Amino acid sequence: MFLMRRVHDLSPATIAGEMGLSVSTVEKHLAKALKLVAQARAEREDQAFGRPAPQELRQPAGDRRAGRRPRR
């Protein structure tokens, strides 16, 4: 979906039609993908320049599996 938008320059409506999804779903997935790309790029730049990762990119304490929030 991300490649369809960024590389092939298709509109969210076109992507939604081709994939059988709503435009809203496509927009949400594109926003999530863009956020992940930005985080990965920031981490890579930090590693290249020897800087520690910013706090918001670090995993919270607790269960470190993806999608899990720490217990309170």
N, C-alpha and C. Protein backbone atom coordinates (compact mmCIF):
# COMPACT_ATOMS: atom_id res chain seq x y z
N MET A 1 0.82 -1.17 0.00
CA MET A 1 0.00 0.00 0.00
C MET A 1 0.88 1.26 0.00
N PHE A 2 1.90 1.26 0.86
CA PHE A 2 2.81 2.40 0.94
C PHE A 2 3.51 2.61 -0.41
N LEU A 3 3.95 1.52 -1.02
CA LEU A 3 4.63 1.64 -2.32
C LEU A 3 3.67 2.09 -3.41
N MET A 4 2.44 1.62 -3.33
CA MET A 4 1.45 2.05 -4.32
C MET A 4 1.27 3.57 -4.28
N ARG A 5 1.30 4.11 -3.08
CA ARG A 5 1.10 5.55 -2.92
C ARG A 5 2.37 6.33 -3.26
N ARG A 6 3.49 5.93 -2.70
CA ARG A 6 4.72 6.70 -2.82
C ARG A 6 5.49 6.46 -4.12
N VAL A 7 5.52 5.25 -4.58
CA VAL A 7 6.30 4.93 -5.79
C VAL A 7 5.44 5.06 -7.05
N HIS A 8 4.26 4.47 -6.99
CA HIS A 8 3.39 4.46 -8.17
C HIS A 8 2.46 5.67 -8.22
N ASP A 9 2.48 6.49 -7.18
CA ASP A 9 1.73 7.75 -7.12
C ASP A 9 0.23 7.56 -7.33
N LEU A 10 -0.32 6.48 -6.74
CA LEU A 10 -1.76 6.24 -6.82
C LEU A 10 -2.45 6.98 -5.68
N SER A 11 -3.66 7.42 -5.91
CA SER A 11 -4.42 8.11 -4.87
C SER A 11 -4.95 7.09 -3.86
N PRO A 12 -5.23 7.54 -2.65
CA PRO A 12 -5.83 6.63 -1.67
C PRO A 12 -7.14 6.02 -2.18
N ALA A 13 -7.92 6.78 -2.94
CA ALA A 13 -9.17 6.25 -3.48
C ALA A 13 -8.90 5.12 -4.48
N THR A 14 -7.89 5.29 -5.32
CA THR A 14 -7.54 4.25 -6.29
C THR A 14 -7.03 3.00 -5.58
N ILE A 15 -6.19 3.19 -4.58
CA ILE A 15 -5.66 2.06 -3.81
C ILE A 15 -6.81 1.32 -3.13
N ALA A 16 -7.72 2.08 -2.53
CA ALA A 16 -8.86 1.48 -1.85
C ALA A 16 -9.69 0.65 -2.82
N GLY A 17 -9.94 1.18 -4.00
CA GLY A 17 -10.71 0.45 -5.00
C GLY A 17 -10.03 -0.83 -5.45
N GLU A 18 -8.72 -0.77 -5.66
CA GLU A 18 -7.98 -1.96 -6.11
C GLU A 18 -7.89 -3.03 -5.04
N MET A 19 -7.85 -2.60 -3.76
CA MET A 19 -7.67 -3.56 -2.68
C MET A 19 -8.99 -3.93 -2.00
N GLY A 20 -10.07 -3.31 -2.39
CA GLY A 20 -11.35 -3.61 -1.78
C GLY A 20 -11.47 -3.11 -0.34
N LEU A 21 -10.86 -1.98 -0.06
CA LEU A 21 -10.89 -1.39 1.27
C LEU A 21 -11.54 -0.02 1.22
N SER A 22 -11.87 0.52 2.38
CA SER A 22 -12.38 1.88 2.41
C SER A 22 -11.21 2.87 2.31
N VAL A 23 -11.51 4.05 1.84
CA VAL A 23 -10.48 5.10 1.73
C VAL A 23 -9.92 5.40 3.12
N SER A 24 -10.78 5.41 4.12
CA SER A 24 -10.36 5.68 5.49
C SER A 24 -9.33 4.65 5.96
N THR A 25 -9.55 3.39 5.66
CA THR A 25 -8.61 2.33 6.04
C THR A 25 -7.27 2.54 5.36
N VAL A 26 -7.30 2.86 4.08
CA VAL A 26 -6.06 3.11 3.35
C VAL A 26 -5.31 4.29 3.96
N GLU A 27 -6.02 5.36 4.27
CA GLU A 27 -5.37 6.54 4.86
C GLU A 27 -4.74 6.22 6.21
N LYS A 28 -5.43 5.42 7.02
CA LYS A 28 -4.90 5.04 8.33
C LYS A 28 -3.64 4.19 8.18
N HIS A 29 -3.65 3.25 7.24
CA HIS A 29 -2.47 2.39 7.02
C HIS A 29 -1.30 3.21 6.48
N LEU A 30 -1.58 4.15 5.60
CA LEU A 30 -0.52 5.00 5.06
C LEU A 30 0.09 5.86 6.15
N ALA A 31 -0.73 6.40 7.05
CA ALA A 31 -0.22 7.21 8.15
C ALA A 31 0.67 6.38 9.07
N LYS A 32 0.23 5.16 9.36
CA LYS A 32 1.02 4.27 10.21
C LYS A 32 2.36 3.92 9.55
N ALA A 33 2.31 3.63 8.26
CA ALA A 33 3.54 3.29 7.53
C ALA A 33 4.50 4.46 7.51
N LEU A 34 3.99 5.66 7.30
CA LEU A 34 4.84 6.84 7.27
C LEU A 34 5.49 7.08 8.63
N LYS A 35 4.74 6.86 9.70
CA LYS A 35 5.29 7.01 11.05
C LYS A 35 6.42 6.00 11.29
N LEU A 36 6.21 4.75 10.88
CA LEU A 36 7.23 3.72 11.05
C LEU A 36 8.49 4.03 10.24
N VAL A 37 8.31 4.53 9.03
CA VAL A 37 9.47 4.91 8.20
C VAL A 37 10.24 6.05 8.86
N ALA A 38 9.53 7.04 9.38
CA ALA A 38 10.18 8.17 10.04
C ALA A 38 10.95 7.72 11.28
N GLN A 39 10.37 6.81 12.06
CA GLN A 39 11.05 6.29 13.25
C GLN A 39 12.31 5.51 12.86
N ALA A 40 12.20 4.66 11.86
CA ALA A 40 13.35 3.87 11.41
C ALA A 40 14.46 4.78 10.89
N ARG A 41 14.07 5.81 10.17
CA ARG A 41 15.06 6.74 9.64
C ARG A 41 15.76 7.50 10.77
N ALA A 42 15.01 7.92 11.77
CA ALA A 42 15.59 8.62 12.91
C ALA A 42 16.55 7.71 13.67
N GLU A 43 16.16 6.46 13.88
CA GLU A 43 17.03 5.51 14.57
C GLU A 43 18.32 5.28 13.78
N ARG A 44 18.18 5.15 12.48
CA ARG A 44 19.35 4.93 11.64
C ARG A 44 20.31 6.13 11.67
N GLU A 45 19.75 7.32 11.62
CA GLU A 45 20.58 8.53 11.69
C GLU A 45 21.25 8.63 13.05
N ASP A 46 20.52 8.30 14.12
CA ASP A 46 21.11 8.35 15.46
C ASP A 46 22.27 7.38 15.57
N GLN A 47 22.11 6.18 15.02
CA GLN A 47 23.19 5.19 15.06
C GLN A 47 24.38 5.65 14.24
N ALA A 48 24.12 6.26 13.10
CA ALA A 48 25.20 6.71 12.22
C ALA A 48 26.03 7.81 12.88
N PHE A 49 25.38 8.64 13.69
CA PHE A 49 26.07 9.76 14.31
C PHE A 49 26.40 9.51 15.77
N GLY A 50 26.13 8.29 16.25
CA GLY A 50 26.49 7.92 17.61
C GLY A 50 25.65 8.58 18.69
N ARG A 51 24.44 9.00 18.35
CA ARG A 51 23.56 9.64 19.33
C ARG A 51 22.64 8.58 19.93
N PRO A 52 22.28 8.74 21.20
CA PRO A 52 21.30 7.81 21.77
C PRO A 52 19.92 8.07 21.18
N ALA A 53 19.10 7.03 21.16
CA ALA A 53 17.75 7.16 20.61
C ALA A 53 16.91 8.05 21.51
N PRO A 54 16.05 8.89 20.93
CA PRO A 54 15.17 9.73 21.75
C PRO A 54 14.24 8.88 22.60
N GLN A 55 13.78 9.42 23.72
CA GLN A 55 12.93 8.69 24.66
C GLN A 55 11.69 8.12 24.01
N GLU A 56 11.03 8.89 23.14
CA GLU A 56 9.76 8.42 22.58
C GLU A 56 9.93 7.22 21.65
N LEU A 57 11.14 6.92 21.22
CA LEU A 57 11.36 5.77 20.34
C LEU A 57 11.76 4.51 21.11
N ARG A 58 12.09 4.67 22.38
CA ARG A 58 12.49 3.52 23.19
C ARG A 58 11.27 2.74 23.64
N GLN A 59 11.45 1.43 23.84
CA GLN A 59 10.37 0.58 24.34
C GLN A 59 10.11 0.92 25.80
N PRO A 60 8.85 0.98 26.23
CA PRO A 60 8.55 1.21 27.64
C PRO A 60 8.91 -0.01 28.47
N ALA A 61 9.05 0.19 29.77
CA ALA A 61 9.35 -0.92 30.67
C ALA A 61 8.16 -1.87 30.69
N GLY A 62 8.40 -3.10 30.99
CA GLY A 62 7.31 -4.08 31.04
C GLY A 62 7.43 -5.04 29.88
N ASP A 63 6.30 -5.50 29.40
CA ASP A 63 6.27 -6.45 28.30
C ASP A 63 6.76 -5.78 27.03
N ARG A 64 7.82 -6.26 26.46
CA ARG A 64 8.44 -5.60 25.31
C ARG A 64 7.99 -6.17 23.97
N ARG A 65 6.98 -7.05 23.99
CA ARG A 65 6.46 -7.53 22.73
C ARG A 65 5.71 -6.42 22.03
N ALA A 66 5.75 -6.44 20.72
CA ALA A 66 5.09 -5.39 19.94
C ALA A 66 3.61 -5.30 20.28
N GLY A 67 3.14 -4.08 20.47
CA GLY A 67 1.74 -3.85 20.71
C GLY A 67 1.29 -4.01 22.15
N ARG A 68 2.19 -4.35 23.04
CA ARG A 68 1.83 -4.51 24.45
C ARG A 68 2.18 -3.26 25.22
N ARG A 69 1.29 -2.87 26.08
CA ARG A 69 1.54 -1.73 26.96
C ARG A 69 2.05 -2.25 28.30
N PRO A 70 2.87 -1.45 28.99
CA PRO A 70 3.35 -1.91 30.30
C PRO A 70 2.20 -2.02 31.29
N ARG A 71 2.32 -2.96 32.20
CA ARG A 71 1.29 -3.13 33.24
C ARG A 71 1.42 -2.00 34.25
N ARG A 72 0.26 -1.65 34.82
CA ARG A 72 0.28 -0.59 35.83
C ARG A 72 -0.12 -1.12 37.16
